[in-house]
């Protein structure tokens, strides 16, 4: 049984769009997939809208167990039951939330309610902060003499959430660096010239957010 519970799409810093990732997973024979984009569930929501026939999702949204141990047991039971089924594909709602304590941590959450208002609101706030950070990074690059625009980044990202890999690709395309690695080493990695930190929750806040939305972390 093939399962991948940690994937990213172009909704954050992945290479494939949600539908492309779905197709790749099918080609590889995966039976369970979780999209765990950074600080967003837009990739999973996009895939659901593009493939409305994929109604079944492994989750706790219909009858959410009240404690974490029960939720974990419920999830394991659902995954185990798939081994005796001939279904092609199942989805486990997922997200990877950035946290800080004292260094960066990535908190993975699964099986939460996609319609949870607080989860959606908090993730949107994190995305808005990332957008403002991107604008500030562009300003720093322009002041340094690099002709970089938001429209160029949007074109490279395909209109999805812009991240440092898109900055690196644009710097390479414009001849400011000779490789993606050089872009990160000289300008984009933590502590480099154009690096700006992003807003992060505390580990406790991230875990509480996921659990209160009916998931496990």
Foldseek 3Di string as FASTA:
>chain_A
DAEDAEAEDLLAPHDHQLVVVVVVCLVVQHAEYEHAHELDQVRVVVVCVVCVVQPAEPACVPPFDPDQVVQVVSSVVVVVVCVPDPDRYYYWYKYWAWAPDPHIDTDIKTRFDPPDPVSNVRSVVQLVQQVVLVVQLCVLCVVVPHDDDPVQLCVQSVNHRGDLLSVLVVCCVVPVDVHSVCCCVAADPPPHRSHDDGDHHHPVVVQCSRVVRRIGD
